[in-house]
């Protein structure tokens, strides 16, 4: 079983969106028994809360259900538990690397490394308009396809 953890700052916008999109893609490909998906935040701001209502609404428009997800904070054990710990932006990546144990087995990198798009970060839509949530979905859908293709080579 391959395990993937998506990480953003508060775990209420970008990483739960990636969680929901990637889970659906994995399920559609009938790989849910081979790939486990979760999400977390580097900060403890929203622990136990559902994703931002705008993330839920934008995802629902595209057929993704984020309503059951709850925010949690990354812990050091995640780096042993997961094969991939994927950050949404460089600040998240820096925060992850600062808490990553030396013994970690996980690949720790940027989620958008798995797409050919000319950007490397998923921007935080929290303080922006509705279009930001759509843009996050566009980026996440592209990177999810690339990530799944990459993981399938390892299965």
N, C-alpha and C. Protein backbone atom coordinates (compact mmCIF):
# COMPACT_ATOMS: atom_id res chain seq x y z
N UNK A 1 0.84 -1.19 0.00
CA UNK A 1 0.00 0.00 0.00
C UNK A 1 0.88 1.24 0.00
N UNK A 2 0.58 2.16 -0.92
CA UNK A 2 1.25 3.46 -0.95
C UNK A 2 0.38 4.45 -0.19
N UNK A 3 1.01 5.32 0.58
CA UNK A 3 0.28 6.29 1.39
C UNK A 3 0.74 7.70 1.03
N UNK A 4 -0.25 8.57 0.80
CA UNK A 4 0.01 9.93 0.36
C UNK A 4 -0.61 10.91 1.35
N UNK A 5 0.18 11.88 1.80
CA UNK A 5 -0.30 12.94 2.69
C UNK A 5 -0.11 14.28 2.01
N UNK A 6 -1.22 15.01 1.83
CA UNK A 6 -1.19 16.35 1.26
C UNK A 6 -1.16 17.36 2.40
N UNK A 7 -0.31 18.39 2.28
CA UNK A 7 -0.12 19.33 3.38
C UNK A 7 -0.17 20.78 2.89
N UNK A 8 -0.97 21.59 3.63
CA UNK A 8 -0.95 23.03 3.44
C UNK A 8 -0.82 23.66 4.82
N UNK A 9 -1.14 24.93 4.96
CA UNK A 9 -0.95 25.60 6.24
C UNK A 9 -1.97 25.17 7.29
N UNK A 10 -3.26 25.36 7.01
CA UNK A 10 -4.28 25.09 8.01
C UNK A 10 -5.11 23.85 7.78
N UNK A 11 -4.93 23.20 6.65
CA UNK A 11 -5.66 21.98 6.29
C UNK A 11 -7.16 22.24 6.16
N UNK A 12 -7.52 23.42 5.58
CA UNK A 12 -8.94 23.68 5.35
C UNK A 12 -9.24 24.09 3.90
N UNK A 13 -8.23 24.35 3.09
CA UNK A 13 -8.48 24.74 1.69
C UNK A 13 -7.76 23.82 0.70
N UNK A 14 -6.45 24.01 0.59
CA UNK A 14 -5.71 23.32 -0.47
C UNK A 14 -5.52 21.83 -0.22
N UNK A 15 -5.02 21.46 0.96
CA UNK A 15 -4.75 20.03 1.18
C UNK A 15 -6.02 19.19 1.24
N UNK A 16 -7.13 19.66 1.83
CA UNK A 16 -8.33 18.83 1.75
C UNK A 16 -8.87 18.73 0.32
N UNK A 17 -8.68 19.79 -0.47
CA UNK A 17 -9.07 19.71 -1.88
C UNK A 17 -8.26 18.64 -2.58
N UNK A 18 -6.96 18.63 -2.35
CA UNK A 18 -6.12 17.59 -2.95
C UNK A 18 -6.51 16.20 -2.45
N UNK A 19 -6.81 16.10 -1.17
CA UNK A 19 -7.25 14.85 -0.56
C UNK A 19 -8.50 14.33 -1.30
N UNK A 20 -9.51 15.17 -1.42
CA UNK A 20 -10.76 14.75 -2.06
C UNK A 20 -10.61 14.42 -3.53
N UNK A 21 -9.86 15.24 -4.25
CA UNK A 21 -9.66 15.01 -5.68
C UNK A 21 -8.87 13.71 -5.90
N UNK A 22 -7.79 13.54 -5.15
CA UNK A 22 -6.95 12.36 -5.36
C UNK A 22 -7.69 11.08 -4.93
N UNK A 23 -8.43 11.15 -3.83
CA UNK A 23 -9.21 9.97 -3.40
C UNK A 23 -10.19 9.55 -4.48
N UNK A 24 -10.86 10.52 -5.08
CA UNK A 24 -11.83 10.16 -6.14
C UNK A 24 -11.11 9.55 -7.33
N UNK A 25 -9.99 10.12 -7.71
CA UNK A 25 -9.22 9.58 -8.83
C UNK A 25 -8.75 8.16 -8.54
N UNK A 26 -8.25 7.94 -7.34
CA UNK A 26 -7.81 6.61 -6.92
C UNK A 26 -8.98 5.63 -6.94
N UNK A 27 -10.12 6.05 -6.45
CA UNK A 27 -11.31 5.20 -6.43
C UNK A 27 -11.80 4.89 -7.84
N UNK A 28 -11.81 5.89 -8.70
CA UNK A 28 -12.24 5.70 -10.08
C UNK A 28 -11.35 4.68 -10.79
N UNK A 29 -10.07 4.69 -10.46
CA UNK A 29 -9.12 3.74 -11.06
C UNK A 29 -9.10 2.40 -10.31
N UNK A 30 -9.98 2.27 -9.32
CA UNK A 30 -10.10 1.05 -8.50
C UNK A 30 -8.79 0.67 -7.82
N UNK A 31 -8.14 1.70 -7.29
CA UNK A 31 -6.87 1.50 -6.58
C UNK A 31 -6.99 1.84 -5.10
N UNK A 32 -8.22 2.01 -4.60
CA UNK A 32 -8.42 2.41 -3.20
C UNK A 32 -7.88 1.38 -2.21
N UNK A 33 -7.67 0.16 -2.64
CA UNK A 33 -7.07 -0.84 -1.75
C UNK A 33 -5.55 -0.87 -1.87
N UNK A 34 -4.99 -0.02 -2.73
CA UNK A 34 -3.55 0.05 -2.92
C UNK A 34 -2.96 1.41 -2.59
N UNK A 35 -3.81 2.43 -2.50
CA UNK A 35 -3.34 3.79 -2.23
C UNK A 35 -4.22 4.41 -1.14
N UNK A 36 -3.58 4.86 -0.05
CA UNK A 36 -4.26 5.52 1.05
C UNK A 36 -3.97 7.02 0.96
N UNK A 37 -4.98 7.85 1.21
CA UNK A 37 -4.85 9.30 1.05
C UNK A 37 -5.31 10.01 2.33
N UNK A 38 -4.56 11.04 2.73
CA UNK A 38 -4.93 11.85 3.88
C UNK A 38 -4.40 13.26 3.64
N UNK A 39 -4.78 14.18 4.54
CA UNK A 39 -4.28 15.55 4.45
C UNK A 39 -4.06 16.09 5.85
N UNK A 40 -3.22 17.14 5.94
CA UNK A 40 -2.89 17.75 7.23
C UNK A 40 -2.39 19.16 6.98
N UNK A 41 -2.23 19.89 8.08
CA UNK A 41 -1.70 21.24 8.02
C UNK A 41 -0.44 21.36 8.84
N UNK A 42 0.39 22.32 8.50
CA UNK A 42 1.60 22.55 9.30
C UNK A 42 1.27 23.34 10.56
N UNK A 43 0.15 24.06 10.57
CA UNK A 43 -0.27 24.84 11.74
C UNK A 43 -1.47 24.19 12.41
N UNK A 44 -1.70 24.55 13.65
CA UNK A 44 -2.77 23.95 14.45
C UNK A 44 -4.03 24.81 14.49
N UNK A 45 -4.15 25.76 13.58
CA UNK A 45 -5.25 26.73 13.62
C UNK A 45 -6.65 26.12 13.60
N UNK A 46 -6.83 25.07 12.82
CA UNK A 46 -8.19 24.59 12.54
C UNK A 46 -8.42 23.12 12.90
N UNK A 47 -7.64 22.57 13.80
CA UNK A 47 -7.75 21.14 14.12
C UNK A 47 -9.20 20.77 14.46
N UNK A 48 -9.67 19.72 13.80
CA UNK A 48 -11.02 19.21 14.02
C UNK A 48 -12.11 19.87 13.20
N UNK A 49 -11.77 20.95 12.50
CA UNK A 49 -12.76 21.67 11.71
C UNK A 49 -12.89 21.08 10.31
N UNK A 50 -14.06 21.23 9.68
CA UNK A 50 -14.21 20.81 8.29
C UNK A 50 -13.47 21.78 7.38
N UNK A 51 -13.31 21.42 6.11
CA UNK A 51 -12.71 22.36 5.16
C UNK A 51 -13.53 23.65 5.05
N UNK A 52 -12.90 24.69 4.58
CA UNK A 52 -13.55 25.97 4.32
C UNK A 52 -14.78 25.72 3.44
N UNK A 53 -15.87 26.39 3.75
CA UNK A 53 -17.12 26.17 3.00
C UNK A 53 -16.96 26.48 1.51
N UNK A 54 -16.08 27.40 1.17
CA UNK A 54 -15.85 27.72 -0.24
C UNK A 54 -15.11 26.59 -0.94
N UNK A 55 -14.21 25.92 -0.23
CA UNK A 55 -13.52 24.75 -0.80
C UNK A 55 -14.52 23.62 -1.03
N UNK A 56 -15.39 23.40 -0.04
CA UNK A 56 -16.40 22.35 -0.16
C UNK A 56 -17.31 22.63 -1.36
N UNK A 57 -17.76 23.87 -1.48
CA UNK A 57 -18.68 24.24 -2.57
C UNK A 57 -18.03 24.11 -3.94
N UNK A 58 -16.81 24.61 -4.08
CA UNK A 58 -16.12 24.54 -5.37
C UNK A 58 -15.86 23.08 -5.75
N UNK A 59 -15.45 22.28 -4.79
CA UNK A 59 -15.18 20.86 -5.05
C UNK A 59 -16.47 20.14 -5.44
N UNK A 60 -17.55 20.44 -4.75
CA UNK A 60 -18.84 19.80 -5.02
C UNK A 60 -19.29 20.07 -6.46
N UNK A 61 -19.02 21.29 -6.95
CA UNK A 61 -19.37 21.65 -8.32
C UNK A 61 -18.69 20.74 -9.34
N UNK A 62 -17.55 20.18 -8.95
CA UNK A 62 -16.80 19.29 -9.85
C UNK A 62 -16.95 17.81 -9.48
N UNK A 63 -17.83 17.54 -8.53
CA UNK A 63 -18.10 16.15 -8.19
C UNK A 63 -17.25 15.56 -7.09
N UNK A 64 -16.60 16.40 -6.29
CA UNK A 64 -15.77 15.93 -5.18
C UNK A 64 -16.46 16.24 -3.86
N UNK A 65 -16.41 15.31 -2.93
CA UNK A 65 -17.04 15.50 -1.63
C UNK A 65 -15.97 15.64 -0.55
N UNK A 66 -15.87 16.82 0.03
CA UNK A 66 -14.89 17.09 1.08
C UNK A 66 -15.55 17.15 2.46
N UNK A 67 -16.85 16.96 2.52
CA UNK A 67 -17.61 17.24 3.74
C UNK A 67 -17.22 16.38 4.95
N UNK A 68 -16.68 15.20 4.73
CA UNK A 68 -16.32 14.33 5.87
C UNK A 68 -14.92 14.61 6.41
N UNK A 69 -14.14 15.41 5.71
CA UNK A 69 -12.76 15.66 6.12
C UNK A 69 -12.70 16.60 7.33
N UNK A 70 -11.70 16.40 8.17
CA UNK A 70 -11.47 17.26 9.33
C UNK A 70 -9.99 17.59 9.40
N UNK A 71 -9.71 18.84 9.75
CA UNK A 71 -8.33 19.32 9.79
C UNK A 71 -7.55 18.66 10.92
N UNK A 72 -6.30 18.38 10.63
CA UNK A 72 -5.36 17.89 11.63
C UNK A 72 -4.00 18.49 11.34
N UNK A 73 -3.11 18.41 12.31
CA UNK A 73 -1.76 18.93 12.14
C UNK A 73 -0.81 17.79 11.84
N UNK A 74 0.17 18.06 11.02
CA UNK A 74 1.22 17.09 10.72
C UNK A 74 1.96 16.75 12.01
N UNK A 75 2.31 15.48 12.16
CA UNK A 75 3.12 15.03 13.29
C UNK A 75 4.34 14.30 12.75
N UNK A 76 5.36 14.17 13.56
CA UNK A 76 6.60 13.55 13.09
C UNK A 76 6.39 12.12 12.62
N UNK A 77 5.45 11.39 13.21
CA UNK A 77 5.18 10.01 12.79
C UNK A 77 4.68 9.93 11.35
N UNK A 78 4.11 11.02 10.83
CA UNK A 78 3.62 11.02 9.45
C UNK A 78 4.75 10.74 8.46
N UNK A 79 5.95 11.15 8.80
CA UNK A 79 7.07 10.97 7.88
C UNK A 79 7.53 9.51 7.81
N UNK A 80 7.14 8.72 8.79
CA UNK A 80 7.41 7.28 8.78
C UNK A 80 6.22 6.52 8.19
N UNK A 81 5.03 7.03 8.44
CA UNK A 81 3.78 6.37 8.03
C UNK A 81 3.51 6.51 6.53
N UNK A 82 3.82 7.68 5.96
CA UNK A 82 3.47 7.97 4.58
C UNK A 82 4.67 7.82 3.65
N UNK A 83 4.37 7.44 2.42
CA UNK A 83 5.40 7.33 1.38
C UNK A 83 5.66 8.68 0.73
N UNK A 84 4.61 9.49 0.64
CA UNK A 84 4.69 10.82 0.03
C UNK A 84 4.08 11.83 0.99
N UNK A 85 4.83 12.87 1.32
CA UNK A 85 4.33 14.00 2.09
C UNK A 85 4.50 15.20 1.16
N UNK A 86 3.38 15.67 0.63
CA UNK A 86 3.42 16.65 -0.45
C UNK A 86 2.87 18.00 -0.03
N UNK A 87 3.73 19.01 -0.11
CA UNK A 87 3.41 20.37 0.29
C UNK A 87 2.78 21.14 -0.86
N UNK A 88 1.91 22.07 -0.49
CA UNK A 88 1.24 22.90 -1.48
C UNK A 88 2.10 24.09 -1.92
N UNK A 89 3.01 24.54 -1.05
CA UNK A 89 3.86 25.66 -1.43
C UNK A 89 5.22 25.54 -0.74
N UNK A 90 6.13 26.42 -1.11
CA UNK A 90 7.50 26.35 -0.59
C UNK A 90 7.59 26.61 0.91
N UNK A 91 6.72 27.46 1.44
CA UNK A 91 6.73 27.70 2.88
C UNK A 91 6.30 26.44 3.63
N UNK A 92 5.25 25.78 3.13
CA UNK A 92 4.83 24.51 3.74
C UNK A 92 5.96 23.49 3.66
N UNK A 93 6.64 23.44 2.53
CA UNK A 93 7.73 22.49 2.34
C UNK A 93 8.86 22.77 3.33
N UNK A 94 9.20 24.03 3.51
CA UNK A 94 10.23 24.39 4.47
C UNK A 94 9.84 23.99 5.89
N UNK A 95 8.58 24.23 6.24
CA UNK A 95 8.09 23.83 7.56
C UNK A 95 8.14 22.32 7.74
N UNK A 96 7.78 21.59 6.71
CA UNK A 96 7.82 20.12 6.78
C UNK A 96 9.26 19.63 6.96
N UNK A 97 10.16 20.19 6.20
CA UNK A 97 11.56 19.75 6.29
C UNK A 97 12.15 20.06 7.66
N UNK A 98 11.66 21.11 8.31
CA UNK A 98 12.19 21.47 9.63
C UNK A 98 11.74 20.50 10.72
N UNK A 99 10.65 19.77 10.50
CA UNK A 99 10.18 18.81 11.51
C UNK A 99 10.36 17.36 11.08
N UNK A 100 10.87 17.15 9.89
CA UNK A 100 11.05 15.80 9.36
C UNK A 100 12.21 15.10 10.06
N UNK A 101 11.94 13.94 10.67
CA UNK A 101 13.03 13.21 11.32
C UNK A 101 14.06 12.70 10.29
N UNK A 102 15.29 12.59 10.72
CA UNK A 102 16.34 12.09 9.81
C UNK A 102 16.04 10.69 9.31
N UNK A 103 15.35 9.91 10.10
CA UNK A 103 15.04 8.53 9.75
C UNK A 103 13.84 8.38 8.81
N UNK A 104 13.26 9.49 8.39
CA UNK A 104 12.04 9.45 7.59
C UNK A 104 12.22 8.68 6.30
N UNK A 105 11.20 7.91 5.97
CA UNK A 105 11.22 7.17 4.70
C UNK A 105 10.47 7.92 3.61
N UNK A 106 9.67 8.89 3.98
CA UNK A 106 8.79 9.57 3.04
C UNK A 106 9.55 10.44 2.05
N UNK A 107 9.00 10.52 0.84
CA UNK A 107 9.41 11.54 -0.11
C UNK A 107 8.72 12.82 0.33
N UNK A 108 9.48 13.86 0.58
CA UNK A 108 8.93 15.15 1.01
C UNK A 108 9.24 16.16 -0.09
N UNK A 109 8.19 16.66 -0.73
CA UNK A 109 8.39 17.59 -1.84
C UNK A 109 7.13 18.36 -2.14
N UNK A 110 7.16 19.10 -3.23
CA UNK A 110 6.02 19.90 -3.67
C UNK A 110 5.05 19.04 -4.49
N UNK A 111 3.78 19.20 -4.24
CA UNK A 111 2.75 18.47 -4.97
C UNK A 111 2.82 18.77 -6.46
N UNK A 112 3.05 20.03 -6.83
CA UNK A 112 3.04 20.39 -8.25
C UNK A 112 4.28 19.89 -8.99
N UNK A 113 5.20 19.24 -8.30
CA UNK A 113 6.31 18.59 -9.00
C UNK A 113 5.80 17.45 -9.88
N UNK A 114 4.55 17.03 -9.67
CA UNK A 114 3.98 15.93 -10.43
C UNK A 114 3.11 16.40 -11.59
N UNK A 115 3.33 17.63 -12.03
CA UNK A 115 2.62 18.16 -13.18
C UNK A 115 3.60 18.92 -14.07
N UNK A 116 3.22 19.07 -15.32
CA UNK A 116 4.07 19.82 -16.26
C UNK A 116 3.70 21.30 -16.32
N UNK A 117 2.82 21.73 -15.43
CA UNK A 117 2.42 23.14 -15.41
C UNK A 117 3.62 24.03 -15.07
N UNK A 118 3.63 25.26 -15.56
CA UNK A 118 4.77 26.16 -15.33
C UNK A 118 4.76 26.86 -13.97
N UNK A 119 4.11 26.27 -12.98
CA UNK A 119 4.08 26.81 -11.62
C UNK A 119 4.49 25.72 -10.66
N UNK A 120 5.02 26.11 -9.50
CA UNK A 120 5.43 25.08 -8.54
C UNK A 120 4.65 25.12 -7.24
N UNK A 121 3.79 26.14 -7.07
CA UNK A 121 3.04 26.27 -5.83
C UNK A 121 1.53 26.36 -6.10
N UNK A 122 0.76 25.76 -5.20
CA UNK A 122 -0.69 25.92 -5.20
C UNK A 122 -0.97 27.12 -4.30
N UNK A 123 -1.46 28.23 -4.85
CA UNK A 123 -1.67 29.43 -4.03
C UNK A 123 -2.81 29.24 -3.03
N UNK A 124 -2.68 29.88 -1.88
CA UNK A 124 -3.70 29.79 -0.85
C UNK A 124 -4.88 30.69 -1.24
N UNK A 125 -6.07 30.11 -1.43
CA UNK A 125 -7.22 30.92 -1.87
C UNK A 125 -7.99 31.56 -0.72
N UNK A 126 -7.56 31.35 0.51
CA UNK A 126 -8.34 31.73 1.69
C UNK A 126 -8.78 33.20 1.68
N UNK A 127 -7.89 34.12 1.36
CA UNK A 127 -8.22 35.54 1.40
C UNK A 127 -8.61 36.11 0.03
N UNK A 128 -8.68 35.25 -0.96
CA UNK A 128 -9.03 35.71 -2.30
C UNK A 128 -10.50 35.50 -2.61
N UNK A 129 -10.86 35.69 -3.86
CA UNK A 129 -12.24 35.51 -4.29
C UNK A 129 -12.53 34.07 -4.68
N UNK A 130 -13.73 33.85 -5.16
CA UNK A 130 -14.18 32.51 -5.54
C UNK A 130 -13.29 31.90 -6.63
N UNK A 131 -12.76 32.73 -7.51
CA UNK A 131 -11.92 32.22 -8.59
C UNK A 131 -10.68 31.50 -8.09
N UNK A 132 -10.21 31.87 -6.90
CA UNK A 132 -9.04 31.22 -6.33
C UNK A 132 -9.28 29.75 -6.03
N UNK A 133 -10.48 29.40 -5.63
CA UNK A 133 -10.81 28.02 -5.31
C UNK A 133 -10.90 27.19 -6.59
N UNK A 134 -11.39 27.81 -7.65
CA UNK A 134 -11.43 27.13 -8.96
C UNK A 134 -10.00 26.89 -9.47
N UNK A 135 -9.15 27.90 -9.30
CA UNK A 135 -7.76 27.76 -9.73
C UNK A 135 -7.05 26.64 -8.96
N UNK A 136 -7.30 26.57 -7.66
CA UNK A 136 -6.74 25.49 -6.85
C UNK A 136 -7.19 24.14 -7.40
N UNK A 137 -8.46 24.01 -7.72
CA UNK A 137 -8.96 22.75 -8.29
C UNK A 137 -8.28 22.41 -9.62
N UNK A 138 -8.09 23.40 -10.47
CA UNK A 138 -7.41 23.16 -11.75
C UNK A 138 -6.01 22.59 -11.51
N UNK A 139 -5.26 23.24 -10.62
CA UNK A 139 -3.89 22.79 -10.33
C UNK A 139 -3.88 21.40 -9.69
N UNK A 140 -4.78 21.19 -8.74
CA UNK A 140 -4.85 19.92 -8.03
C UNK A 140 -5.24 18.77 -8.97
N UNK A 141 -6.18 19.01 -9.85
CA UNK A 141 -6.57 17.96 -10.79
C UNK A 141 -5.42 17.57 -11.69
N UNK A 142 -4.66 18.55 -12.17
CA UNK A 142 -3.52 18.26 -13.02
C UNK A 142 -2.44 17.48 -12.27
N UNK A 143 -2.09 17.95 -11.09
CA UNK A 143 -1.04 17.28 -10.31
C UNK A 143 -1.49 15.90 -9.84
N UNK A 144 -2.78 15.74 -9.55
CA UNK A 144 -3.28 14.44 -9.11
C UNK A 144 -3.11 13.39 -10.20
N UNK A 145 -3.39 13.78 -11.44
CA UNK A 145 -3.22 12.85 -12.56
C UNK A 145 -1.75 12.44 -12.69
N UNK A 146 -0.85 13.40 -12.58
CA UNK A 146 0.58 13.10 -12.67
C UNK A 146 1.07 12.25 -11.52
N UNK A 147 0.59 12.55 -10.31
CA UNK A 147 0.99 11.77 -9.14
C UNK A 147 0.50 10.34 -9.26
N UNK A 148 -0.73 10.15 -9.67
CA UNK A 148 -1.25 8.79 -9.80
C UNK A 148 -0.46 8.01 -10.84
N UNK A 149 -0.15 8.64 -11.94
CA UNK A 149 0.66 7.99 -12.98
C UNK A 149 2.01 7.57 -12.40
N UNK A 150 2.62 8.43 -11.62
CA UNK A 150 3.91 8.13 -10.98
C UNK A 150 3.79 6.95 -10.03
N UNK A 151 2.78 6.97 -9.17
CA UNK A 151 2.60 5.91 -8.18
C UNK A 151 2.27 4.57 -8.84
N UNK A 152 1.50 4.60 -9.90
CA UNK A 152 1.14 3.36 -10.59
C UNK A 152 2.37 2.61 -11.09
N UNK A 153 3.42 3.33 -11.40
CA UNK A 153 4.67 2.68 -11.83
C UNK A 153 5.33 1.92 -10.69
N UNK A 154 5.00 2.32 -9.44
CA UNK A 154 5.59 1.68 -8.26
C UNK A 154 4.76 0.52 -7.73
N UNK A 155 3.53 0.40 -8.18
CA UNK A 155 2.64 -0.65 -7.67
C UNK A 155 2.93 -2.00 -8.30
